[in-house]
Amino acid sequence: SQSKIIRISLLTPQLGEGLESIDQLKK
């Protein structure tokens, strides 16, 4: 999962912040 998210993050046009849990995601 770490390997995938590193490569996905590099190819994400606008990379946001890291969340401690998905509950922190806003509407």
PDB file of all heavy atoms in Angstrom:
ATOM      1  N   SER A   1       0.830  -1.206   0.000  1.00  0.00           N
ATOM      2  CA  SER A   1       0.000   0.000   0.000  1.00  0.00           C
ATOM      3  C   SER A   1       0.863   1.253   0.000  1.00  0.00           C
ATOM      4  O   SER A   1       0.518   2.264  -0.618  1.00  0.00           O
ATOM      5  CB  SER A   1      -0.942   0.008   1.207  1.00  0.00           C
ATOM      6  OG  SER A   1      -0.235  -0.006   2.426  1.00  0.00           O
ATOM      7  N   GLN A   2       2.011   1.195   0.671  1.00  0.00           N
ATOM      8  CA  GLN A   2       2.916   2.345   0.682  1.00  0.00           C
ATOM      9  C   GLN A   2       3.512   2.573  -0.701  1.00  0.00           C
ATOM     10  O   GLN A   2       3.596   3.703  -1.179  1.00  0.00           O
ATOM     11  CB  GLN A   2       4.032   2.144   1.703  1.00  0.00           C
ATOM     12  CG  GLN A   2       4.944   3.355   1.844  1.00  0.00           C
ATOM     13  CD  GLN A   2       5.987   3.160   2.921  1.00  0.00           C
ATOM     14  OE1 GLN A   2       6.142   2.092   3.482  1.00  0.00           O
ATOM     15  NE2 GLN A   2       6.741   4.204   3.212  1.00  0.00           N
ATOM     16  N   SER A   3       3.907   1.490  -1.348  1.00  0.00           N
ATOM     17  CA  SER A   3       4.465   1.590  -2.700  1.00  0.00           C
ATOM     18  C   SER A   3       3.463   2.213  -3.661  1.00  0.00           C
ATOM     19  O   SER A   3       3.807   3.112  -4.449  1.00  0.00           O
ATOM     20  CB  SER A   3       4.878   0.194  -3.189  1.00  0.00           C
ATOM     21  OG  SER A   3       5.169   0.197  -4.558  1.00  0.00           O
ATOM     22  N   LYS A   4       2.217   1.761  -3.591  1.00  0.00           N
ATOM     23  CA  LYS A   4       1.192   2.280  -4.498  1.00  0.00           C
ATOM     24  C   LYS A   4       0.911   3.757  -4.237  1.00  0.00           C
ATOM     25  O   LYS A   4       0.811   4.552  -5.170  1.00  0.00           O
ATOM     26  CB  LYS A   4      -0.095   1.467  -4.341  1.00  0.00           C
ATOM     27  CG  LYS A   4      -0.051   0.080  -4.952  1.00  0.00           C
ATOM     28  CD  LYS A   4      -0.169   0.114  -6.464  1.00  0.00           C
ATOM     29  CE  LYS A   4      -0.103  -1.289  -7.051  1.00  0.00           C
ATOM     30  NZ  LYS A   4      -1.284  -2.091  -6.748  1.00  0.00           N
ATOM     31  N   ILE A   5       0.777   4.136  -2.967  1.00  0.00           N
ATOM     32  CA  ILE A   5       0.389   5.526  -2.683  1.00  0.00           C
ATOM     33  C   ILE A   5       1.515   6.494  -3.024  1.00  0.00           C
ATOM     34  O   ILE A   5       1.261   7.651  -3.391  1.00  0.00           O
ATOM     35  CB  ILE A   5      -0.060   5.702  -1.211  1.00  0.00           C
ATOM     36  CG1 ILE A   5      -0.856   7.007  -1.053  1.00  0.00           C
ATOM     37  CG2 ILE A   5       1.134   5.680  -0.263  1.00  0.00           C
ATOM     38  CD1 ILE A   5      -2.076   7.099  -1.929  1.00  0.00           C
ATOM     39  N   ILE A   6       2.761   6.055  -2.941  1.00  0.00           N
ATOM     40  CA  ILE A   6       3.872   6.919  -3.357  1.00  0.00           C
ATOM     41  C   ILE A   6       3.748   7.244  -4.843  1.00  0.00           C
ATOM     42  O   ILE A   6       3.810   8.409  -5.263  1.00  0.00           O
ATOM     43  CB  ILE A   6       5.228   6.251  -3.067  1.00  0.00           C
ATOM     44  CG1 ILE A   6       5.515   6.252  -1.558  1.00  0.00           C
ATOM     45  CG2 ILE A   6       6.363   6.971  -3.806  1.00  0.00           C
ATOM     46  CD1 ILE A   6       6.743   5.460  -1.161  1.00  0.00           C
ATOM     47  N   ARG A   7       3.536   6.209  -5.650  1.00  0.00           N
ATOM     48  CA  ARG A   7       3.448   6.421  -7.102  1.00  0.00           C
ATOM     49  C   ARG A   7       2.160   7.144  -7.491  1.00  0.00           C
ATOM     50  O   ARG A   7       2.158   7.979  -8.398  1.00  0.00           O
ATOM     51  CB  ARG A   7       3.570   5.073  -7.817  1.00  0.00           C
ATOM     52  CG  ARG A   7       4.975   4.491  -7.760  1.00  0.00           C
ATOM     53  CD  ARG A   7       5.052   3.104  -8.346  1.00  0.00           C
ATOM     54  NE  ARG A   7       4.426   2.127  -7.481  1.00  0.00           N
ATOM     55  CZ  ARG A   7       3.989   0.932  -7.892  1.00  0.00           C
ATOM     56  NH1 ARG A   7       4.098   0.590  -9.158  1.00  0.00           N
ATOM     57  NH2 ARG A   7       3.452   0.079  -7.029  1.00  0.00           N
ATOM     58  N   ILE A   8       1.068   6.830  -6.806  1.00  0.00           N
ATOM     59  CA  ILE A   8      -0.196   7.517  -7.071  1.00  0.00           C
ATOM     60  C   ILE A   8      -0.083   8.994  -6.718  1.00  0.00           C
ATOM     61  O   ILE A   8      -0.531   9.873  -7.473  1.00  0.00           O
ATOM     62  CB  ILE A   8      -1.342   6.849  -6.271  1.00  0.00           C
ATOM     63  CG1 ILE A   8      -1.680   5.488  -6.876  1.00  0.00           C
ATOM     64  CG2 ILE A   8      -2.575   7.744  -6.244  1.00  0.00           C
ATOM     65  CD1 ILE A   8      -2.621   4.660  -6.021  1.00  0.00           C
ATOM     66  N   SER A   9       0.531   9.292  -5.583  1.00  0.00           N
ATOM     67  CA  SER A   9       0.673  10.688  -5.141  1.00  0.00           C
ATOM     68  C   SER A   9       1.498  11.498  -6.124  1.00  0.00           C
ATOM     69  O   SER A   9       1.200  12.659  -6.405  1.00  0.00           O
ATOM     70  CB  SER A   9       1.316  10.732  -3.752  1.00  0.00           C
ATOM     71  OG  SER A   9       0.496  10.109  -2.785  1.00  0.00           O
ATOM     72  N   LEU A  10       2.550  10.900  -6.653  1.00  0.00           N
ATOM     73  CA  LEU A  10       3.399  11.607  -7.610  1.00  0.00           C
ATOM     74  C   LEU A  10       2.660  11.933  -8.904  1.00  0.00           C
ATOM     75  O   LEU A  10       2.980  12.915  -9.581  1.00  0.00           O
ATOM     76  CB  LEU A  10       4.640  10.771  -7.912  1.00  0.00           C
ATOM     77  CG  LEU A  10       5.711  10.759  -6.817  1.00  0.00           C
ATOM     78  CD1 LEU A  10       6.708   9.622  -7.038  1.00  0.00           C
ATOM     79  CD2 LEU A  10       6.447  12.096  -6.764  1.00  0.00           C
ATOM     80  N   LEU A  11       1.658  11.116  -9.242  1.00  0.00           N
ATOM     81  CA  LEU A  11       0.908  11.317 -10.478  1.00  0.00           C
ATOM     82  C   LEU A  11      -0.416  12.036 -10.250  1.00  0.00           C
ATOM     83  O   LEU A  11      -1.177  12.256 -11.196  1.00  0.00           O
ATOM     84  CB  LEU A  11       0.652   9.961 -11.149  1.00  0.00           C
ATOM     85  CG  LEU A  11       1.910   9.253 -11.679  1.00  0.00           C
ATOM     86  CD1 LEU A  11       1.603   7.800 -12.016  1.00  0.00           C
ATOM     87  CD2 LEU A  11       2.476   9.981 -12.884  1.00  0.00           C
ATOM     88  N   THR A  12      -0.718  12.394  -8.997  1.00  0.00           N
ATOM     89  CA  THR A  12      -1.936  13.148  -8.683  1.00  0.00           C
ATOM     90  C   THR A  12      -1.724  14.623  -9.018  1.00  0.00           C
ATOM     91  O   THR A  12      -0.778  15.235  -8.509  1.00  0.00           O
ATOM     92  CB  THR A  12      -2.284  13.001  -7.192  1.00  0.00           C
ATOM     93  OG1 THR A  12      -2.528  11.613  -6.907  1.00  0.00           O
ATOM     94  CG2 THR A  12      -3.513  13.815  -6.838  1.00  0.00           C
ATOM     95  N   PRO A  13      -2.557  15.214  -9.867  1.00  0.00           N
ATOM     96  CA  PRO A  13      -2.328  16.615 -10.296  1.00  0.00           C
ATOM     97  C   PRO A  13      -2.204  17.593  -9.138  1.00  0.00           C
ATOM     98  O   PRO A  13      -1.290  18.415  -9.104  1.00  0.00           O
ATOM     99  CB  PRO A  13      -3.559  16.916 -11.158  1.00  0.00           C
ATOM    100  CG  PRO A  13      -4.008  15.580 -11.660  1.00  0.00           C
ATOM    101  CD  PRO A  13      -3.698  14.613 -10.560  1.00  0.00           C
ATOM    102  N   GLN A  14      -3.141  17.531  -8.191  1.00  0.00           N
ATOM    103  CA  GLN A  14      -3.091  18.392  -7.008  1.00  0.00           C
ATOM    104  C   GLN A  14      -3.124  17.494  -5.767  1.00  0.00           C
ATOM    105  O   GLN A  14      -4.168  16.943  -5.426  1.00  0.00           O
ATOM    106  CB  GLN A  14      -4.261  19.374  -6.977  1.00  0.00           C
ATOM    107  CG  GLN A  14      -4.250  20.394  -8.098  1.00  0.00           C
ATOM    108  CD  GLN A  14      -5.310  21.461  -7.891  1.00  0.00           C
ATOM    109  OE1 GLN A  14      -5.401  22.079  -6.830  1.00  0.00           O
ATOM    110  NE2 GLN A  14      -6.122  21.687  -8.916  1.00  0.00           N
ATOM    111  N   LEU A  15      -1.982  17.374  -5.128  1.00  0.00           N
ATOM    112  CA  LEU A  15      -1.886  16.498  -3.965  1.00  0.00           C
ATOM    113  C   LEU A  15      -2.212  17.283  -2.701  1.00  0.00           C
ATOM    114  O   LEU A  15      -1.634  18.336  -2.435  1.00  0.00           O
ATOM    115  CB  LEU A  15      -0.472  15.924  -3.864  1.00  0.00           C
ATOM    116  CG  LEU A  15      -0.223  14.919  -2.740  1.00  0.00           C
ATOM    117  CD1 LEU A  15      -1.117  13.687  -2.914  1.00  0.00           C
ATOM    118  CD2 LEU A  15       1.245  14.509  -2.715  1.00  0.00           C
ATOM    119  N   GLY A  16      -3.170  16.757  -1.928  1.00  0.00           N
ATOM    120  CA  GLY A  16      -3.578  17.420  -0.699  1.00  0.00           C
ATOM    121  C   GLY A  16      -2.778  16.954   0.499  1.00  0.00           C
ATOM    122  O   GLY A  16      -1.644  16.493   0.369  1.00  0.00           O
ATOM    123  N   GLU A  17      -3.391  17.030   1.671  1.00  0.00           N
ATOM    124  CA  GLU A  17      -2.721  16.682   2.916  1.00  0.00           C
ATOM    125  C   GLU A  17      -2.974  15.218   3.267  1.00  0.00           C
ATOM    126  O   GLU A  17      -3.848  14.557   2.706  1.00  0.00           O
ATOM    127  CB  GLU A  17      -3.238  17.575   4.051  1.00  0.00           C
ATOM    128  CG  GLU A  17      -3.009  19.058   3.817  1.00  0.00           C
ATOM    129  CD  GLU A  17      -1.545  19.421   3.728  1.00  0.00           C
ATOM    130  OE1 GLU A  17      -0.745  18.816   4.479  1.00  0.00           O
ATOM    131  OE2 GLU A  17      -1.183  20.290   2.922  1.00  0.00           O
ATOM    132  N   GLY A  18      -2.219  14.740   4.232  1.00  0.00           N
ATOM    133  CA  GLY A  18      -2.437  13.404   4.758  1.00  0.00           C
ATOM    134  C   GLY A  18      -3.442  13.454   5.898  1.00  0.00           C
ATOM    135  O   GLY A  18      -3.370  14.335   6.760  1.00  0.00           O
ATOM    136  N   LEU A  19      -4.402  12.526   5.912  1.00  0.00           N
ATOM    137  CA  LEU A  19      -5.428  12.461   6.949  1.00  0.00           C
ATOM    138  C   LEU A  19      -5.129  11.301   7.891  1.00  0.00           C
ATOM    139  O   LEU A  19      -4.746  10.212   7.437  1.00  0.00           O
ATOM    140  CB  LEU A  19      -6.809  12.264   6.324  1.00  0.00           C
ATOM    141  CG  LEU A  19      -7.238  13.262   5.236  1.00  0.00           C
ATOM    142  CD1 LEU A  19      -8.583  12.840   4.660  1.00  0.00           C
ATOM    143  CD2 LEU A  19      -7.301  14.681   5.804  1.00  0.00           C
ATOM    144  N   GLU A  20      -5.300  11.512   9.178  1.00  0.00           N
ATOM    145  CA  GLU A  20      -5.096  10.435  10.140  1.00  0.00           C
ATOM    146  C   GLU A  20      -6.171   9.361   9.968  1.00  0.00           C
ATOM    147  O   GLU A  20      -5.917   8.178  10.191  1.00  0.00           O
ATOM    148  CB  GLU A  20      -5.131  10.983  11.565  1.00  0.00           C
ATOM    149  CG  GLU A  20      -3.992  11.935  11.894  1.00  0.00           C
ATOM    150  CD  GLU A  20      -2.625  11.287  11.723  1.00  0.00           C
ATOM    151  OE1 GLU A  20      -2.499  10.072  11.993  1.00  0.00           O
ATOM    152  OE2 GLU A  20      -1.681  12.001  11.308  1.00  0.00           O
ATOM    153  N   SER A  21      -7.374   9.766   9.575  1.00  0.00           N
ATOM    154  CA  SER A  21      -8.447   8.821   9.269  1.00  0.00           C
ATOM    155  C   SER A  21      -9.376   9.477   8.261  1.00  0.00           C
ATOM    156  O   SER A  21      -9.382  10.701   8.092  1.00  0.00           O
ATOM    157  CB  SER A  21      -9.213   8.423  10.527  1.00  0.00           C
ATOM    158  OG  SER A  21     -10.040   9.490  10.958  1.00  0.00           O
ATOM    159  N   ILE A  22     -10.182   8.650   7.599  1.00  0.00           N
ATOM    160  CA  ILE A  22     -11.069   9.162   6.555  1.00  0.00           C
ATOM    161  C   ILE A  22     -12.160  10.063   7.132  1.00  0.00           C
ATOM    162  O   ILE A  22     -12.775  10.867   6.412  1.00  0.00           O
ATOM    163  CB  ILE A  22     -11.686   7.988   5.759  1.00  0.00           C
ATOM    164  CG1 ILE A  22     -12.188   8.485   4.396  1.00  0.00           C
ATOM    165  CG2 ILE A  22     -12.777   7.307   6.553  1.00  0.00           C
ATOM    166  CD1 ILE A  22     -11.101   9.023   3.511  1.00  0.00           C
ATOM    167  N   ASP A  23     -12.405   9.954   8.450  1.00  0.00           N
ATOM    168  CA  ASP A  23     -13.421  10.798   9.089  1.00  0.00           C
ATOM    169  C   ASP A  23     -13.065  12.277   9.041  1.00  0.00           C
ATOM    170  O   ASP A  23     -13.949  13.134   9.216  1.00  0.00           O
ATOM    171  CB  ASP A  23     -13.607  10.373  10.557  1.00  0.00           C
ATOM    172  CG  ASP A  23     -14.169   8.970  10.671  1.00  0.00           C
ATOM    173  OD1 ASP A  23     -14.861   8.547   9.726  1.00  0.00           O
ATOM    174  OD2 ASP A  23     -13.890   8.289  11.677  1.00  0.00           O
ATOM    175  N   GLN A  24     -11.784  12.587   8.814  1.00  0.00           N
ATOM    176  CA  GLN A  24     -11.349  13.992   8.760  1.00  0.00           C
ATOM    177  C   GLN A  24     -11.688  14.653   7.426  1.00  0.00           C
ATOM    178  O   GLN A  24     -11.564  15.868   7.293  1.00  0.00           O
ATOM    179  CB  GLN A  24      -9.849  14.088   9.008  1.00  0.00           C
ATOM    180  CG  GLN A  24      -9.423  13.695  10.415  1.00  0.00           C
ATOM    181  CD  GLN A  24      -7.917  13.803  10.597  1.00  0.00           C
ATOM    182  OE1 GLN A  24      -7.133  13.323   9.777  1.00  0.00           O
ATOM    183  NE2 GLN A  24      -7.501  14.449  11.670  1.00  0.00           N
ATOM    184  N   LEU A  25     -12.110  13.873   6.445  1.00  0.00           N
ATOM    185  CA  LEU A  25     -12.432  14.428   5.131  1.00  0.00           C
ATOM    186  C   LEU A  25     -13.686  15.289   5.218  1.00  0.00           C
ATOM    187  O   LEU A  25     -14.686  14.910   5.818  1.00  0.00           O
ATOM    188  CB  LEU A  25     -12.642  13.295   4.122  1.00  0.00           C
ATOM    189  CG  LEU A  25     -12.634  13.684   2.643  1.00  0.00           C
ATOM    190  CD1 LEU A  25     -11.279  14.220   2.226  1.00  0.00           C
ATOM    191  CD2 LEU A  25     -13.012  12.473   1.788  1.00  0.00           C
ATOM    192  N   LYS A  26     -13.644  16.458   4.616  1.00  0.00           N
ATOM    193  CA  LYS A  26     -14.764  17.391   4.650  1.00  0.00           C
ATOM    194  C   LYS A  26     -15.677  17.200   3.433  1.00  0.00           C
ATOM    195  O   LYS A  26     -15.296  16.561   2.452  1.00  0.00           O
ATOM    196  CB  LYS A  26     -14.256  18.834   4.711  1.00  0.00           C
ATOM    197  CG  LYS A  26     -13.440  19.133   5.964  1.00  0.00           C
ATOM    198  CD  LYS A  26     -12.874  20.541   5.926  1.00  0.00           C
ATOM    199  CE  LYS A  26     -12.008  20.814   7.167  1.00  0.00           C
ATOM    200  NZ  LYS A  26     -11.399  22.167   7.121  1.00  0.00           N
ATOM    201  N   LYS A  27     -16.861  17.797   3.520  1.00  0.00           N
ATOM    202  CA  LYS A  27     -17.847  17.645   2.465  1.00  0.00           C
ATOM    203  C   LYS A  27     -17.314  18.145   1.122  1.00  0.00           C
ATOM    204  O   LYS A  27     -16.647  19.173   1.045  1.00  0.00           O
ATOM    205  CB  LYS A  27     -19.127  18.422   2.831  1.00  0.00           C
ATOM    206  CG  LYS A  27     -20.283  18.181   1.861  1.00  0.00           C
ATOM    207  CD  LYS A  27     -21.532  18.918   2.313  1.00  0.00           C
ATOM    208  CE  LYS A  27     -22.669  18.656   1.320  1.00  0.00           C
ATOM    209  NZ  LYS A  27     -23.915  19.334   1.720  1.00  0.00           N
TER     210      LYS A  27
END
